[in-house]
Amino acid sequence: MNRVRWKHGDELTLHVIGKNQTENTLQNAHAFLYNSHIIVPIHGKVLRSMRLGRDEGQEFQAIFNKPQSSFQKSSSSSIYSFSPKKPYLSQIIIKAGHYIDSITFIWSDNTVIETGGDGGSEHEFTLDEDEKIVGLNVRAGWHIDGIEIKTNKKSSGWIGGSGGSMRLLHVPKGHEMIGIYGSGDCYVNSLGIIYKKL
């Protein structure tokens, strides 16, 4: 058996072939492990998956459940009211053609996070308060070509094009998905998931 000696600063590249013959390469395992742990308010230390697509453009991070706001200001007056409910991700709007042009995340308190451009046909995906996103099926190459969102209740169906390679973004057993991150400019360029232990 040959032993390999590693020096500080060496990069380890992993090329993996799955049982279903899909292949993936992780260029720098040390950097991935370092960057995959992040701190998120109310959740603490969580994990990020590998990012699919091209890491360029404006970064975004959408955490599904937000901290509870104890007081909210009415949009029509200067009156504050108590809100006992935690805001939750209630809708995702995806605009797509051959690529995913944009993704808009909308919470129950009307907070909005948007990434991408203006083109494509609009697809709305509504979530119930007790509904959880459990996985994403993604086709990605230079951009995010297409996506299917899967929840514990339903699927969005396929949205977008058929280019790029098919990838599955699902959490490991004993974990739950708490968010999506990525980047975009004229299109959605990259996507990954954020998850934590149950």
N, C-alpha and C. Protein backbone atom coordinates (compact mmCIF):
# COMPACT_ATOMS: atom_id res chain seq x y z
N MET A 1 0.84 -1.16 0.00
CA MET A 1 0.00 0.00 0.00
C MET A 1 0.90 1.24 0.00
N ASN A 2 0.57 2.18 -0.89
CA ASN A 2 1.33 3.43 -0.96
C ASN A 2 0.72 4.45 -0.02
N ARG A 3 1.57 5.15 0.68
CA ARG A 3 1.11 6.23 1.56
C ARG A 3 1.44 7.57 0.90
N VAL A 4 0.52 8.48 1.04
CA VAL A 4 0.71 9.82 0.47
C VAL A 4 0.93 10.79 1.62
N ARG A 5 1.95 11.59 1.52
CA ARG A 5 2.21 12.59 2.55
C ARG A 5 1.64 13.93 2.10
N TRP A 6 0.88 14.52 3.01
CA TRP A 6 0.26 15.80 2.71
C TRP A 6 0.99 16.91 3.44
N LYS A 7 1.16 18.01 2.75
CA LYS A 7 1.75 19.19 3.37
C LYS A 7 0.64 20.23 3.55
N HIS A 8 0.83 21.10 4.53
CA HIS A 8 -0.14 22.17 4.75
C HIS A 8 -0.30 22.97 3.46
N GLY A 9 -1.53 23.19 3.04
CA GLY A 9 -1.81 23.94 1.83
C GLY A 9 -2.05 23.07 0.61
N ASP A 10 -1.76 21.75 0.71
CA ASP A 10 -2.05 20.85 -0.41
C ASP A 10 -3.55 20.76 -0.63
N GLU A 11 -3.96 20.59 -1.89
CA GLU A 11 -5.37 20.43 -2.22
C GLU A 11 -5.67 18.97 -2.52
N LEU A 12 -6.83 18.53 -2.06
CA LEU A 12 -7.27 17.17 -2.32
C LEU A 12 -8.48 17.24 -3.25
N THR A 13 -8.37 16.61 -4.41
CA THR A 13 -9.48 16.56 -5.36
C THR A 13 -10.10 15.17 -5.29
N LEU A 14 -11.44 15.14 -5.15
CA LEU A 14 -12.16 13.88 -5.11
C LEU A 14 -13.02 13.74 -6.35
N HIS A 15 -12.92 12.60 -7.01
CA HIS A 15 -13.79 12.28 -8.14
C HIS A 15 -14.61 11.07 -7.72
N VAL A 16 -15.93 11.24 -7.69
CA VAL A 16 -16.81 10.21 -7.16
C VAL A 16 -17.75 9.73 -8.26
N ILE A 17 -17.93 8.40 -8.33
CA ILE A 17 -18.90 7.80 -9.24
C ILE A 17 -19.91 7.06 -8.37
N GLY A 18 -21.19 7.47 -8.51
CA GLY A 18 -22.25 6.87 -7.70
C GLY A 18 -22.72 5.53 -8.25
N LYS A 19 -23.55 4.84 -7.46
CA LYS A 19 -24.12 3.55 -7.89
C LYS A 19 -24.89 3.69 -9.20
N ASN A 20 -25.52 4.86 -9.41
CA ASN A 20 -26.29 5.07 -10.62
C ASN A 20 -25.43 5.61 -11.77
N GLN A 21 -24.11 5.56 -11.61
CA GLN A 21 -23.12 5.97 -12.61
C GLN A 21 -23.03 7.48 -12.81
N THR A 22 -23.66 8.29 -11.94
CA THR A 22 -23.46 9.73 -12.03
C THR A 22 -22.10 10.06 -11.43
N GLU A 23 -21.45 11.05 -12.00
CA GLU A 23 -20.11 11.44 -11.56
C GLU A 23 -20.11 12.87 -11.05
N ASN A 24 -19.24 13.12 -10.10
CA ASN A 24 -19.06 14.47 -9.59
C ASN A 24 -17.63 14.62 -9.11
N THR A 25 -17.09 15.83 -9.26
CA THR A 25 -15.73 16.10 -8.82
C THR A 25 -15.74 17.25 -7.82
N LEU A 26 -15.07 17.04 -6.72
CA LEU A 26 -14.89 18.08 -5.70
C LEU A 26 -13.44 18.53 -5.81
N GLN A 27 -13.23 19.76 -6.31
CA GLN A 27 -11.88 20.24 -6.64
C GLN A 27 -10.98 20.41 -5.42
N ASN A 28 -11.51 20.94 -4.33
CA ASN A 28 -10.68 21.20 -3.16
C ASN A 28 -11.47 20.79 -1.92
N ALA A 29 -11.28 19.57 -1.47
CA ALA A 29 -12.07 19.02 -0.37
C ALA A 29 -11.88 19.82 0.92
N HIS A 30 -10.66 20.27 1.19
CA HIS A 30 -10.41 21.04 2.41
C HIS A 30 -11.20 22.35 2.40
N ALA A 31 -11.17 23.08 1.30
CA ALA A 31 -11.91 24.34 1.20
C ALA A 31 -13.41 24.10 1.31
N PHE A 32 -13.90 23.01 0.67
CA PHE A 32 -15.33 22.69 0.74
C PHE A 32 -15.74 22.42 2.19
N LEU A 33 -14.98 21.61 2.91
CA LEU A 33 -15.32 21.31 4.30
C LEU A 33 -15.29 22.56 5.17
N TYR A 34 -14.32 23.42 4.92
CA TYR A 34 -14.21 24.66 5.68
C TYR A 34 -15.40 25.58 5.40
N ASN A 35 -15.77 25.72 4.13
CA ASN A 35 -16.84 26.63 3.73
C ASN A 35 -18.23 26.05 3.89
N SER A 36 -18.37 24.76 4.14
CA SER A 36 -19.70 24.15 4.22
C SER A 36 -20.36 24.36 5.58
N HIS A 37 -19.63 24.79 6.59
CA HIS A 37 -20.21 25.07 7.91
C HIS A 37 -20.41 26.58 8.04
N ILE A 38 -21.66 26.98 8.30
CA ILE A 38 -21.97 28.39 8.48
C ILE A 38 -22.85 28.56 9.72
N ILE A 39 -22.94 29.78 10.20
CA ILE A 39 -23.81 30.10 11.34
C ILE A 39 -25.03 30.86 10.81
N VAL A 40 -26.22 30.40 11.18
CA VAL A 40 -27.47 31.03 10.74
C VAL A 40 -28.27 31.40 11.99
N PRO A 41 -28.78 32.64 12.06
CA PRO A 41 -29.59 33.03 13.23
C PRO A 41 -30.74 32.04 13.46
N ILE A 42 -31.06 31.78 14.69
CA ILE A 42 -32.04 30.84 15.25
C ILE A 42 -31.71 29.38 15.01
N HIS A 43 -30.84 29.06 14.05
CA HIS A 43 -30.48 27.67 13.78
C HIS A 43 -29.09 27.32 14.29
N GLY A 44 -28.22 28.31 14.45
CA GLY A 44 -26.86 28.05 14.88
C GLY A 44 -26.00 27.53 13.75
N LYS A 45 -25.12 26.55 14.07
CA LYS A 45 -24.20 26.00 13.08
C LYS A 45 -24.94 25.03 12.18
N VAL A 46 -24.89 25.28 10.87
CA VAL A 46 -25.58 24.44 9.88
C VAL A 46 -24.60 24.11 8.75
N LEU A 47 -25.06 23.30 7.81
CA LEU A 47 -24.23 22.84 6.70
C LEU A 47 -24.76 23.33 5.37
N ARG A 48 -23.85 23.54 4.42
CA ARG A 48 -24.24 23.88 3.05
C ARG A 48 -23.76 22.78 2.12
N SER A 49 -24.60 22.42 1.16
CA SER A 49 -24.20 21.43 0.16
C SER A 49 -23.22 22.07 -0.82
N MET A 50 -22.69 21.25 -1.69
CA MET A 50 -21.90 21.76 -2.79
C MET A 50 -22.82 22.59 -3.67
N ARG A 51 -22.29 23.64 -4.23
CA ARG A 51 -23.05 24.53 -5.10
C ARG A 51 -23.05 23.96 -6.52
N LEU A 52 -24.23 23.91 -7.14
CA LEU A 52 -24.34 23.47 -8.53
C LEU A 52 -24.35 24.68 -9.43
N GLY A 53 -23.75 24.57 -10.61
CA GLY A 53 -23.71 25.68 -11.55
C GLY A 53 -22.45 26.50 -11.38
N ARG A 54 -22.48 27.72 -11.88
CA ARG A 54 -21.33 28.62 -11.92
C ARG A 54 -21.44 29.64 -10.79
N ASP A 55 -20.39 29.74 -10.00
CA ASP A 55 -20.38 30.62 -8.82
C ASP A 55 -20.04 32.05 -9.22
N GLU A 56 -21.00 32.73 -9.89
CA GLU A 56 -20.82 34.13 -10.28
C GLU A 56 -22.12 34.87 -10.10
N GLY A 57 -22.02 36.18 -9.91
CA GLY A 57 -23.21 37.01 -9.78
C GLY A 57 -23.49 37.37 -8.33
N GLN A 58 -24.66 37.95 -8.10
CA GLN A 58 -25.08 38.38 -6.78
C GLN A 58 -25.45 37.17 -5.92
N GLU A 59 -24.84 37.06 -4.75
CA GLU A 59 -25.12 35.96 -3.83
C GLU A 59 -26.49 36.13 -3.16
N PHE A 60 -27.17 35.03 -2.86
CA PHE A 60 -28.39 35.09 -2.07
C PHE A 60 -28.43 33.90 -1.12
N GLN A 61 -29.21 34.06 -0.07
CA GLN A 61 -29.44 32.98 0.90
C GLN A 61 -30.87 33.14 1.41
N ALA A 62 -31.68 32.10 1.24
CA ALA A 62 -33.08 32.12 1.66
C ALA A 62 -33.29 31.06 2.73
N ILE A 63 -33.45 31.49 3.98
CA ILE A 63 -33.74 30.57 5.09
C ILE A 63 -35.26 30.47 5.21
N PHE A 64 -35.79 29.24 5.18
CA PHE A 64 -37.24 29.03 5.08
C PHE A 64 -38.03 29.62 6.24
N ASN A 65 -37.62 29.38 7.47
CA ASN A 65 -38.33 29.92 8.64
C ASN A 65 -37.50 31.02 9.25
N LYS A 66 -38.12 32.18 9.41
CA LYS A 66 -37.43 33.34 9.96
C LYS A 66 -37.71 33.47 11.44
N PRO A 67 -36.88 34.25 12.17
CA PRO A 67 -37.17 34.48 13.58
C PRO A 67 -38.51 35.18 13.75
N GLN A 68 -39.17 34.89 14.84
CA GLN A 68 -40.46 35.51 15.12
C GLN A 68 -40.29 37.00 15.37
N SER A 69 -41.11 37.79 14.69
CA SER A 69 -41.12 39.24 14.94
C SER A 69 -42.19 39.50 15.98
N SER A 70 -41.83 40.10 17.10
CA SER A 70 -42.82 40.33 18.14
C SER A 70 -43.76 41.47 17.79
N PHE A 71 -43.25 42.47 17.08
CA PHE A 71 -44.11 43.59 16.69
C PHE A 71 -43.89 43.87 15.21
N GLN A 72 -45.01 44.15 14.49
CA GLN A 72 -44.92 44.50 13.08
C GLN A 72 -45.64 45.81 12.85
N LYS A 73 -45.05 46.66 12.02
CA LYS A 73 -45.66 47.95 11.70
C LYS A 73 -46.61 47.75 10.53
N SER A 74 -47.80 48.29 10.64
CA SER A 74 -48.79 48.24 9.57
C SER A 74 -48.27 49.05 8.39
N SER A 75 -48.47 48.55 7.16
CA SER A 75 -47.99 49.27 5.98
C SER A 75 -48.81 50.52 5.70
N SER A 76 -50.03 50.57 6.22
CA SER A 76 -50.91 51.71 5.93
C SER A 76 -50.92 52.77 7.05
N SER A 77 -50.30 52.49 8.19
CA SER A 77 -50.29 53.48 9.27
C SER A 77 -49.05 53.30 10.13
N SER A 78 -48.95 54.08 11.18
CA SER A 78 -47.80 53.98 12.08
C SER A 78 -48.14 53.13 13.30
N ILE A 79 -49.16 52.28 13.19
CA ILE A 79 -49.58 51.42 14.31
C ILE A 79 -48.81 50.11 14.26
N TYR A 80 -48.32 49.68 15.42
CA TYR A 80 -47.63 48.41 15.54
C TYR A 80 -48.59 47.38 16.12
N SER A 81 -48.49 46.15 15.64
CA SER A 81 -49.33 45.09 16.20
C SER A 81 -48.46 43.89 16.55
N PHE A 82 -48.90 43.11 17.54
CA PHE A 82 -48.18 41.93 17.97
C PHE A 82 -48.49 40.78 17.01
N SER A 83 -47.47 40.07 16.57
CA SER A 83 -47.65 38.92 15.67
C SER A 83 -47.08 37.69 16.35
N PRO A 84 -47.94 36.76 16.82
CA PRO A 84 -47.45 35.59 17.52
C PRO A 84 -46.88 34.50 16.61
N LYS A 85 -47.11 34.59 15.30
CA LYS A 85 -46.65 33.55 14.38
C LYS A 85 -45.28 33.86 13.82
N LYS A 86 -44.49 32.78 13.60
CA LYS A 86 -43.20 32.91 12.93
C LYS A 86 -43.45 33.00 11.44
N PRO A 87 -42.81 33.94 10.74
CA PRO A 87 -42.95 33.98 9.28
C PRO A 87 -42.36 32.71 8.67
N TYR A 88 -43.04 32.18 7.66
CA TYR A 88 -42.58 30.98 6.97
C TYR A 88 -42.56 31.23 5.47
N LEU A 89 -41.78 30.45 4.74
CA LEU A 89 -41.73 30.56 3.29
C LEU A 89 -43.07 30.11 2.73
N SER A 90 -43.81 31.01 2.09
CA SER A 90 -45.16 30.71 1.64
C SER A 90 -45.28 30.56 0.13
N GLN A 91 -44.31 31.08 -0.63
CA GLN A 91 -44.42 31.00 -2.08
C GLN A 91 -43.05 31.12 -2.73
N ILE A 92 -42.87 30.38 -3.82
CA ILE A 92 -41.67 30.51 -4.66
C ILE A 92 -42.16 30.76 -6.08
N ILE A 93 -41.68 31.83 -6.68
CA ILE A 93 -42.03 32.13 -8.07
C ILE A 93 -40.77 31.93 -8.91
N ILE A 94 -40.87 31.07 -9.90
CA ILE A 94 -39.74 30.76 -10.78
C ILE A 94 -40.10 31.21 -12.18
N LYS A 95 -39.21 32.01 -12.79
CA LYS A 95 -39.37 32.38 -14.19
C LYS A 95 -38.34 31.59 -14.98
N ALA A 96 -38.81 30.93 -16.05
CA ALA A 96 -37.91 30.05 -16.79
C ALA A 96 -38.27 29.95 -18.27
N GLY A 97 -37.25 29.67 -19.06
CA GLY A 97 -37.35 29.32 -20.47
C GLY A 97 -36.43 28.13 -20.66
N HIS A 98 -35.34 28.33 -21.42
CA HIS A 98 -34.33 27.28 -21.55
C HIS A 98 -33.47 27.17 -20.29
N TYR A 99 -33.44 28.25 -19.51
CA TYR A 99 -32.72 28.31 -18.24
C TYR A 99 -33.68 28.79 -17.16
N ILE A 100 -33.25 28.72 -15.91
CA ILE A 100 -34.01 29.37 -14.83
C ILE A 100 -33.58 30.83 -14.85
N ASP A 101 -34.50 31.71 -15.26
CA ASP A 101 -34.20 33.13 -15.38
C ASP A 101 -34.15 33.79 -14.00
N SER A 102 -35.12 33.45 -13.12
CA SER A 102 -35.12 34.05 -11.79
C SER A 102 -35.89 33.17 -10.81
N ILE A 103 -35.57 33.34 -9.54
CA ILE A 103 -36.32 32.71 -8.44
C ILE A 103 -36.62 33.80 -7.43
N THR A 104 -37.90 33.87 -7.01
CA THR A 104 -38.34 34.81 -6.00
C THR A 104 -38.91 34.03 -4.83
N PHE A 105 -38.40 34.28 -3.64
CA PHE A 105 -38.88 33.64 -2.41
C PHE A 105 -39.74 34.66 -1.67
N ILE A 106 -40.96 34.26 -1.26
CA ILE A 106 -41.87 35.16 -0.56
C ILE A 106 -42.30 34.49 0.74
N TRP A 107 -42.17 35.23 1.86
CA TRP A 107 -42.56 34.73 3.18
C TRP A 107 -43.94 35.22 3.55
N SER A 108 -44.52 34.62 4.57
CA SER A 108 -45.87 34.96 5.03
C SER A 108 -45.97 36.40 5.55
N ASP A 109 -44.84 37.03 5.90
CA ASP A 109 -44.85 38.43 6.35
C ASP A 109 -44.53 39.39 5.20
N ASN A 110 -44.58 38.87 3.95
CA ASN A 110 -44.34 39.63 2.72
C ASN A 110 -42.88 40.03 2.50
N THR A 111 -41.95 39.43 3.21
CA THR A 111 -40.53 39.61 2.92
C THR A 111 -40.25 38.91 1.59
N VAL A 112 -39.39 39.51 0.76
CA VAL A 112 -39.09 38.97 -0.56
C VAL A 112 -37.59 38.93 -0.78
N ILE A 113 -37.08 37.81 -1.31
CA ILE A 113 -35.69 37.71 -1.78
C ILE A 113 -35.78 37.24 -3.23
N GLU A 114 -35.07 37.95 -4.11
CA GLU A 114 -35.10 37.66 -5.53
C GLU A 114 -33.69 37.48 -6.06
N THR A 115 -33.53 36.58 -7.04
CA THR A 115 -32.25 36.47 -7.72
C THR A 115 -32.51 36.17 -9.18
N GLY A 116 -31.61 36.62 -10.05
CA GLY A 116 -31.75 36.36 -11.47
C GLY A 116 -32.24 37.56 -12.25
N GLY A 117 -32.68 37.30 -13.51
CA GLY A 117 -33.10 38.36 -14.43
C GLY A 117 -34.60 38.47 -14.58
N ASP A 118 -35.03 39.02 -15.73
CA ASP A 118 -36.44 39.33 -15.96
C ASP A 118 -37.15 38.42 -16.95
N GLY A 119 -36.45 37.58 -17.67
CA GLY A 119 -37.07 36.79 -18.74
C GLY A 119 -37.83 35.58 -18.25
N GLY A 120 -38.35 34.80 -19.19
CA GLY A 120 -38.98 33.52 -18.89
C GLY A 120 -40.45 33.61 -18.53
N SER A 121 -41.09 32.43 -18.57
CA SER A 121 -42.49 32.30 -18.17
C SER A 121 -42.56 32.07 -16.67
N GLU A 122 -43.62 32.60 -16.04
CA GLU A 122 -43.75 32.54 -14.58
C GLU A 122 -44.44 31.27 -14.12
N HIS A 123 -43.86 30.63 -13.09
CA HIS A 123 -44.43 29.44 -12.45
C HIS A 123 -44.52 29.72 -10.95
N GLU A 124 -45.71 29.60 -10.37
CA GLU A 124 -45.89 29.84 -8.94
C GLU A 124 -45.98 28.52 -8.20
N PHE A 125 -45.32 28.45 -7.05
CA PHE A 125 -45.34 27.26 -6.21
C PHE A 125 -45.65 27.73 -4.79
N THR A 126 -46.83 27.38 -4.29
CA THR A 126 -47.29 27.83 -2.97
C THR A 126 -47.05 26.74 -1.93
N LEU A 127 -46.63 27.16 -0.73
CA LEU A 127 -46.36 26.22 0.36
C LEU A 127 -47.28 26.50 1.54
N ASP A 128 -47.77 25.44 2.17
CA ASP A 128 -48.56 25.57 3.40
C ASP A 128 -47.61 25.84 4.57
N GLU A 129 -48.17 26.30 5.68
CA GLU A 129 -47.35 26.62 6.85
C GLU A 129 -46.59 25.40 7.38
N ASP A 130 -47.21 24.21 7.28
CA ASP A 130 -46.57 22.99 7.79
C ASP A 130 -45.83 22.21 6.71
N GLU A 131 -45.68 22.79 5.52
CA GLU A 131 -45.02 22.10 4.41
C GLU A 131 -43.52 22.36 4.44
N LYS A 132 -42.74 21.32 4.14
CA LYS A 132 -41.28 21.43 4.16
C LYS A 132 -40.71 21.01 2.82
N ILE A 133 -39.72 21.77 2.34
CA ILE A 133 -39.00 21.38 1.14
C ILE A 133 -38.02 20.29 1.55
N VAL A 134 -38.08 19.15 0.87
CA VAL A 134 -37.23 18.02 1.23
C VAL A 134 -36.14 17.74 0.20
N GLY A 135 -36.25 18.33 -0.99
CA GLY A 135 -35.22 18.09 -1.99
C GLY A 135 -35.44 18.89 -3.25
N LEU A 136 -34.37 19.02 -4.03
CA LEU A 136 -34.41 19.68 -5.32
C LEU A 136 -33.79 18.76 -6.35
N ASN A 137 -34.44 18.61 -7.49
CA ASN A 137 -33.83 17.98 -8.65
C ASN A 137 -33.42 19.13 -9.56
N VAL A 138 -32.15 19.16 -9.95
CA VAL A 138 -31.62 20.32 -10.66
C VAL A 138 -30.82 19.85 -11.87
N ARG A 139 -31.03 20.52 -13.01
CA ARG A 139 -30.14 20.36 -14.17
C ARG A 139 -29.28 21.61 -14.21
N ALA A 140 -27.97 21.42 -14.21
CA ALA A 140 -27.06 22.56 -14.14
C ALA A 140 -25.84 22.33 -15.01
N GLY A 141 -25.38 23.41 -15.60
CA GLY A 141 -24.12 23.46 -16.35
C GLY A 141 -23.53 24.82 -16.06
N TRP A 142 -23.51 25.69 -17.07
CA TRP A 142 -23.03 27.05 -16.91
C TRP A 142 -24.00 27.88 -16.07
N HIS A 143 -25.31 27.58 -16.21
CA HIS A 143 -26.38 28.20 -15.43
C HIS A 143 -27.19 27.08 -14.80
N ILE A 144 -28.24 27.44 -14.06
CA ILE A 144 -29.22 26.45 -13.61
C ILE A 144 -30.22 26.33 -14.76
N ASP A 145 -30.25 25.16 -15.39
CA ASP A 145 -31.09 24.95 -16.58
C ASP A 145 -32.54 24.66 -16.21
N GLY A 146 -32.74 23.83 -15.19
CA GLY A 146 -34.10 23.45 -14.80
C GLY A 146 -34.13 22.98 -13.36
N ILE A 147 -35.34 22.94 -12.79
CA ILE A 147 -35.48 22.58 -11.38
C ILE A 147 -36.84 21.95 -11.12
N GLU A 148 -36.86 21.04 -10.17
CA GLU A 148 -38.10 20.50 -9.61
C GLU A 148 -37.96 20.58 -8.10
N ILE A 149 -38.95 21.20 -7.44
CA ILE A 149 -38.95 21.32 -5.99
C ILE A 149 -39.83 20.23 -5.41
N LYS A 150 -39.31 19.47 -4.45
CA LYS A 150 -40.09 18.41 -3.80
C LYS A 150 -40.31 18.77 -2.34
N THR A 151 -41.56 18.64 -1.87
CA THR A 151 -41.88 18.88 -0.48
C THR A 151 -42.40 17.59 0.15
N ASN A 152 -42.73 17.66 1.44
CA ASN A 152 -43.32 16.52 2.12
C ASN A 152 -44.77 16.30 1.68
N LYS A 153 -45.31 17.20 0.82
CA LYS A 153 -46.70 17.09 0.37
C LYS A 153 -46.85 16.98 -1.15
N LYS A 154 -45.93 17.59 -1.93
CA LYS A 154 -46.13 17.63 -3.38
C LYS A 154 -44.83 17.97 -4.11
N SER A 155 -44.95 18.08 -5.43
CA SER A 155 -43.83 18.44 -6.29
C SER A 155 -44.25 19.59 -7.19
N SER A 156 -43.29 20.42 -7.56
CA SER A 156 -43.57 21.54 -8.46
C SER A 156 -43.72 21.07 -9.90
N GLY A 157 -43.27 19.86 -10.20
CA GLY A 157 -43.14 19.45 -11.59
C GLY A 157 -41.89 20.09 -12.16
N TRP A 158 -41.49 19.67 -13.37
CA TRP A 158 -40.26 20.19 -13.95
C TRP A 158 -40.48 21.60 -14.47
N ILE A 159 -39.55 22.50 -14.13
CA ILE A 159 -39.60 23.90 -14.57
C ILE A 159 -38.26 24.21 -15.23
N GLY A 160 -38.29 24.72 -16.47
CA GLY A 160 -37.07 25.12 -17.15
C GLY A 160 -36.66 24.18 -18.25
N GLY A 161 -35.37 24.26 -18.59
CA GLY A 161 -34.84 23.53 -19.73
C GLY A 161 -34.27 22.17 -19.38
N SER A 162 -33.67 21.55 -20.41
CA SER A 162 -33.16 20.18 -20.25
C SER A 162 -31.65 20.08 -20.47
N GLY A 163 -30.96 21.23 -20.51
CA GLY A 163 -29.51 21.20 -20.67
C GLY A 163 -28.80 20.86 -19.37
N GLY A 164 -27.49 20.84 -19.42
CA GLY A 164 -26.70 20.57 -18.22
C GLY A 164 -26.84 19.14 -17.74
N SER A 165 -26.30 18.85 -16.59
CA SER A 165 -26.34 17.52 -15.98
C SER A 165 -27.36 17.48 -14.86
N MET A 166 -28.06 16.36 -14.74
CA MET A 166 -29.05 16.19 -13.67
C MET A 166 -28.34 15.92 -12.36
N ARG A 167 -28.73 16.65 -11.32
CA ARG A 167 -28.19 16.48 -9.97
C ARG A 167 -29.35 16.48 -8.99
N LEU A 168 -29.19 15.76 -7.90
CA LEU A 168 -30.18 15.71 -6.84
C LEU A 168 -29.61 16.40 -5.61
N LEU A 169 -30.33 17.36 -5.08
CA LEU A 169 -29.93 18.03 -3.84
C LEU A 169 -30.92 17.60 -2.77
N HIS A 170 -30.54 16.58 -2.01
CA HIS A 170 -31.38 16.05 -0.94
C HIS A 170 -30.52 15.98 0.31
N VAL A 171 -31.16 16.13 1.48
CA VAL A 171 -30.40 16.12 2.72
C VAL A 171 -30.09 14.68 3.15
N PRO A 172 -28.99 14.50 3.88
CA PRO A 172 -28.69 13.16 4.40
C PRO A 172 -29.73 12.75 5.45
N LYS A 173 -29.84 11.46 5.69
CA LYS A 173 -30.77 10.94 6.70
C LYS A 173 -30.45 11.59 8.05
N GLY A 174 -31.50 11.94 8.81
CA GLY A 174 -31.31 12.55 10.12
C GLY A 174 -31.10 14.06 10.06
N HIS A 175 -31.32 14.67 8.89
CA HIS A 175 -31.16 16.11 8.71
C HIS A 175 -32.43 16.69 8.08
N GLU A 176 -32.57 18.01 8.13
CA GLU A 176 -33.68 18.68 7.46
C GLU A 176 -33.17 19.89 6.70
N MET A 177 -33.78 20.17 5.55
CA MET A 177 -33.40 21.32 4.76
C MET A 177 -34.00 22.57 5.39
N ILE A 178 -33.18 23.60 5.57
CA ILE A 178 -33.67 24.85 6.16
C ILE A 178 -33.52 26.04 5.23
N GLY A 179 -32.90 25.85 4.06
CA GLY A 179 -32.73 26.99 3.16
C GLY A 179 -32.09 26.61 1.84
N ILE A 180 -32.02 27.61 0.97
CA ILE A 180 -31.40 27.49 -0.34
C ILE A 180 -30.47 28.69 -0.49
N TYR A 181 -29.32 28.47 -1.12
CA TYR A 181 -28.40 29.58 -1.38
C TYR A 181 -27.90 29.48 -2.80
N GLY A 182 -27.26 30.52 -3.28
CA GLY A 182 -26.71 30.49 -4.63
C GLY A 182 -26.36 31.88 -5.11
N SER A 183 -26.40 32.03 -6.45
CA SER A 183 -26.06 33.32 -7.06
C SER A 183 -26.80 33.48 -8.37
N GLY A 184 -26.92 34.74 -8.80
CA GLY A 184 -27.59 35.01 -10.06
C GLY A 184 -27.26 36.38 -10.60
N ASP A 185 -27.46 36.56 -11.91
CA ASP A 185 -27.39 37.87 -12.55
C ASP A 185 -28.50 37.90 -13.60
N CYS A 186 -28.20 37.68 -14.88
CA CYS A 186 -29.26 37.61 -15.90
C CYS A 186 -30.06 36.31 -15.78
N TYR A 187 -29.43 35.29 -15.24
CA TYR A 187 -30.05 33.99 -14.96
C TYR A 187 -29.70 33.60 -13.53
N VAL A 188 -30.28 32.50 -13.06
CA VAL A 188 -29.83 31.92 -11.80
C VAL A 188 -28.60 31.08 -12.16
N ASN A 189 -27.46 31.44 -11.62
CA ASN A 189 -26.19 30.81 -11.99
C ASN A 189 -25.84 29.59 -11.15
N SER A 190 -26.23 29.61 -9.86
CA SER A 190 -25.85 28.50 -8.99
C SER A 190 -26.89 28.31 -7.91
N LEU A 191 -26.97 27.08 -7.40
CA LEU A 191 -27.88 26.73 -6.30
C LEU A 191 -27.23 25.68 -5.43
N GLY A 192 -27.54 25.76 -4.14
CA GLY A 192 -27.15 24.74 -3.18
C GLY A 192 -28.19 24.75 -2.07
N ILE A 193 -28.12 23.77 -1.18
CA ILE A 193 -29.08 23.72 -0.08
C ILE A 193 -28.37 23.92 1.25
N ILE A 194 -29.12 24.40 2.23
CA ILE A 194 -28.64 24.59 3.59
C ILE A 194 -29.45 23.64 4.47
N TYR A 195 -28.76 22.88 5.32
CA TYR A 195 -29.47 21.87 6.12
C TYR A 195 -28.84 21.73 7.50
N LYS A 196 -29.59 21.10 8.41
CA LYS A 196 -29.08 20.89 9.78
C LYS A 196 -29.55 19.54 10.29
N LYS A 197 -28.90 19.10 11.38
CA LYS A 197 -29.31 17.85 12.03
C LYS A 197 -30.65 18.04 12.71
N LEU A 198 -31.44 16.98 12.72
CA LEU A 198 -32.74 17.02 13.42
C LEU A 198 -32.53 17.01 14.91
